[in-house]
Every structure is written in C-alpha cells, then in structure tokens.
C-alpha cells in the first residue's frame, strides 16, 4: 500500500514538480520514494514497505530493457500464482514484491492483465513501445484513482487529488455540479469530483491513454452478477462461505510486517479477527454515556486470547480533528464514522503496519437494515398483491413528499423510485430551500442512480439495492474513508470480504438465503457462528454510533458550527440564514437536524481548508 503521482507533458523543472507532488502524499509511503521521467511522462512513487522490504521492491519498477514502467498502489493477492505462470513463460523476476507481476504481466497479456488480478489496486503502466499509458482500478474501488487533463493537454493522475495542487497547470476550482447530490448522499457521488475537471476512475474500470493524441479511453472490465443459484441448500452455502472467507483471510495476511485487526464487536470484524487470530486487535468508542461498544471487542479478544487496544474519543477531539480529516479525504464527506476511524487508524499504526477489517460484508451478503422490510411493510406485502402495490408506487412516485409516500414506494418493490443508497440526508426540496441557485443545479441523487439501475433491470428488488450500494455507496463512501483515514497514518488496510473469490461465491446466494424472516446476512452469520459465540454472530449492525445530536446542543459545539455557518464566504453556497435556523432548531430541541447540519458543515470545512487556508500563505507573501 503506497501512493503514486504522475503527469504527461513538460513543465519547467519536471523533477521539482514531481517531487512536490510526491511530498503531498508522503503519508501514503514514508519508507522511500522513486521517480521515472522519460518520453514525456513523469511517474512518482511513495512506498510503504509491506512485501520485500529491500530496495529491490521500490517503484517506479521497469522491465529488463526499460521499455515498460509501472507505479502501483495496493496488493495483488494471487501474485505468487501469476509469477509462477509468467516464469514458466520465460519472464525473469528480480524481487519478491507483487509489483513485478504487473510489469511482466502487462508484457505477456497486455490489457488482459486486469482480468487475471485478484487484489486491491490502482496502477499505471507507461508503455514506451506504443507511446501509451495503461491504468486500472480494482473491481470494488478499494484503492483510489484520480485524473485531470489541463488546458495545456497534460494528463495528471494519482492516488490523491491534493498532489495535483503542486502542478503549475492545475486550475483549482469548485465543481458546481457536485454539491446537490452530496447533500443527499453524504459522499462525493459524481464521477467528476468536487474539484472541477478532476475525475475518479470508476471501480472495475481501466483506461488507455494515447500520449501523442492526448486521448483517454475508459472501459469497464468487470461487473457483478447477482443471479441466484438454487442448486445448493442453505447449509451448503454456509459451509462454502466459511471456507471461502478463511481462504481469503489467509491470502490477505501475507506480509513481511506486523498484521493486526480492527474489531468493533459486530459480526463482520469479529469473524475476520477470529479467522486471522492476530496478536493485537484495535477498537474505538466515545467518552459519552452509552456510545462505547468497545467492551464487546475487549470481551471477544479475551475469549480468543488476543491483546485488545482501545481508545475513547472525546467531543473536543472529534471537532478538533475535522479539518485534518477533510484535508485527507480530498473531498467533503459527512459519514460520521470517518472520525472514529481516524482515531482507530492512529491507534493501530502505533503497533502494526497492516490491519484487516470487515468492510464489504454488508454489500456482498446483504447486511444493512434497509435490505429488510420493517414489520408494517412486510404485513402490507402479505395482504396487498404485488400488482396493486406497483400501481400505488407508480402513482405516488412523481408526487411531492407527503407522509406515507416512502411507505408506498418501498412496498412497491421498485428501489429505482426510492433507494439511493444507505444515506439520504437532504430531500431535493430541502436542497432547493437552502442552497444558492448557482450550486443547486447539479443532478439529483436519483439521476445518478438511474444508469446504475438500468444495468440490472432483471435483478430482484434486494439484488438491485445491493448492486447500487456496491457501485456507489461502497466505493464512494465506505472504501474512500477507509483508505484515506488509514493512509493518513501510513497504515495499510485490507478487506478480506472484498475479494474476487468471495464475490464469485456471494453473488450467487439466493435472495431468500441472504435476507429472510430470521434477519439479514444469514449465510455469513451462520458461517461466523462456527467460530464465534451466538452473541457476536447475531448482533445487529451498529457501525460507529456517534453522539453528535447531543454535542450540538452544547454551547461550545454550537458555537463551533455557527462560526462556519455565519462565515461571509459560506454565503456563496448557502442561504446562511436557513442554515442557522436549522442549527438553532436543533440546539433548542425543536428538531433533530444533526445529519443535515453535519453534512453542510463538512462541506464548509473542506472548502475553507482547500480554498482559503491553502491559499493563505501565498496571499500573505
């Protein structure tokens, strides 16, 4: 796990600019760095040494004749099998790092390399023979990848957007289309990021860039297929699940450094920790009333004979770290769990270099509460025929919001009409009320979801929702914060549930075995129950509960938010009077507005950090 930067074209002093870009992401790779500048391409790399700790494994890494170079962030878990296949084909290896299979794999298979990879990755190959770049991002979007084409025709690319700030041809501006969907979904949901002209390479996509023509061609190379396989019994699925998860954990534990595990006390991280059996687990809670669940993690660690490290986060620590978090996120993101994850990564990095975690199980195996019907909807479905429910859903779909509208939409089994993912903060009418017209013109969340749903029209209701979350919520929220918060502390995070072989198994589990009257994520829960006590295997998902709604009723933290909401520059984006009314209503107990307040706040914190504080030293000079 490392970080890379790069650009095409020439600027005054390529080496100095490339080094400055690398320095921006030194937290991703504090162990060593390297550069490659040739034929109008500059590649830079910061390394966090995990496999082959010697300098032989450093990057950019080239082939024998120097015609192919690669920069790579991530881990290839089947690199040993690929290496054996490539050696049999006559390729010679010079180190034990997984990076080298990308070099020789590209030589042998060209763009077909990506279809053979099992791992988490973002990489770029400079092929001097063809005058092209070839790059890819892993199938889940575990590792980030950004790119930007300047007015001068230069292509910039890298693991983090902030590195582009050091390039003289980068023009920093806010993408006015990004705020609207963000306020609904709480994460940067468009392919174009909050920085105008900067795009994300989507998960499961690769690209070819013709350097001379300055032309990029992007294509999808993998897709999920949730198609039920009814040939197996429930118990057979449970048996296979246990086998495939154990095998994935074994592949993900390979490292030449210390490996630990995050542990929340829920079934996903507990199952991973019990499979891994590390020396150390790490947990975090809040120093406030009932918001500390680390006792579950400590109790399980004791049962397994593992040392558990815990930290309690205070309200002061929470608010103090928000500007740092938004800086490292690159874009505004208001998932409250980013903050405890920051402190969790900080805690773990003091003891280990690699941690395993349970991200992805909910998307693959259907573990979110939103995948289940509440009792009232379940009862309605039993009484009212599906055709009538569909008609009612279609009738109210285009009507303004009213009490009961969402009930009818959910009962209609048409997620395209109501489900935009695991977060829904601001309704469209609420955005129109609070956002300035210039920034309210972006796409609604449903407009962004529509092309994703269009690919899976024949999927069942549950599979459609899982597919949407896999393509939007998982890479845009869950994995983005996991990567950025851990790499901010030079910590490699690995996610064994998000593995190609696990996915090939999970996508064929019948819907009735994923969610039923017994609850959600049934196959995983029963598999985990083989090595975990009932209490851990059946515990409902809670995530990282944060006592924000209580803190925002304390004067100190009300004043913290008020400073942002009443800042003169906030008026460019919001009707700040409406923001303050929202804050006052919450503070005085008339409403529960904590999610809306926090989502607007994190955007303003991000903007201040990148567009005011970032420019302050230059302005002062």
Foldseek 3Di string as FASTA:
>chain_A
DWKKKKKFADDVPPPVLRVLLCVVQLLRAVPDKDWDDDDRMIMIIHHDAWFQNDPLPYDQDAADVRQKTKDKDWAFLCLVVLVVVLVVVPGDDDTGGSVVSVRSVCVVPNPCSLVPTWIFMWMWMQRNVQQKIKIAGAQQQLFWKKWAAFPVLMIMIMRAPVSCVSPPRDDWDADLQQQQQCLFFQFRFDQQGRTPRMGTQFHQKMWMARSVVSDIDMDHDDAFFQAADPPDDLVVLLVVLLVLLLVLLVSVVDTPWAEAAEDALAQQRLLSCLSNVHQEYEYEFAPDDPTDRCVSVVVSCVVSVHHYYYYHDYPVQQVVCLLVLLVLLNHFGQDSLLRRLLVRLLVVLVPIQEYEYRPPLCLLLPADPVLDDDVVLVVVPVVDDLVVLLVQLVVLLPPPDDPCNVSSVVSNLDCLSPPLADGTADDLVRLVVWWDPSSSPHDHSSVSQVVQLVVPVPDGSSNSRSSNCSRGVSNRPVSSSNVSSNSSNSHHYDHSCPIPVNNVSRSHHDPCCQAHPLGGSNSSLSSSVVRDPNCNSPDRDDRNDDPQLVVLLDPVVVVVLLCLLPDPVLVNTTPSVVLVVLSVCSNVVNDRNRSSSSSSSSNSSSCCSVPPVVCVVVVVD
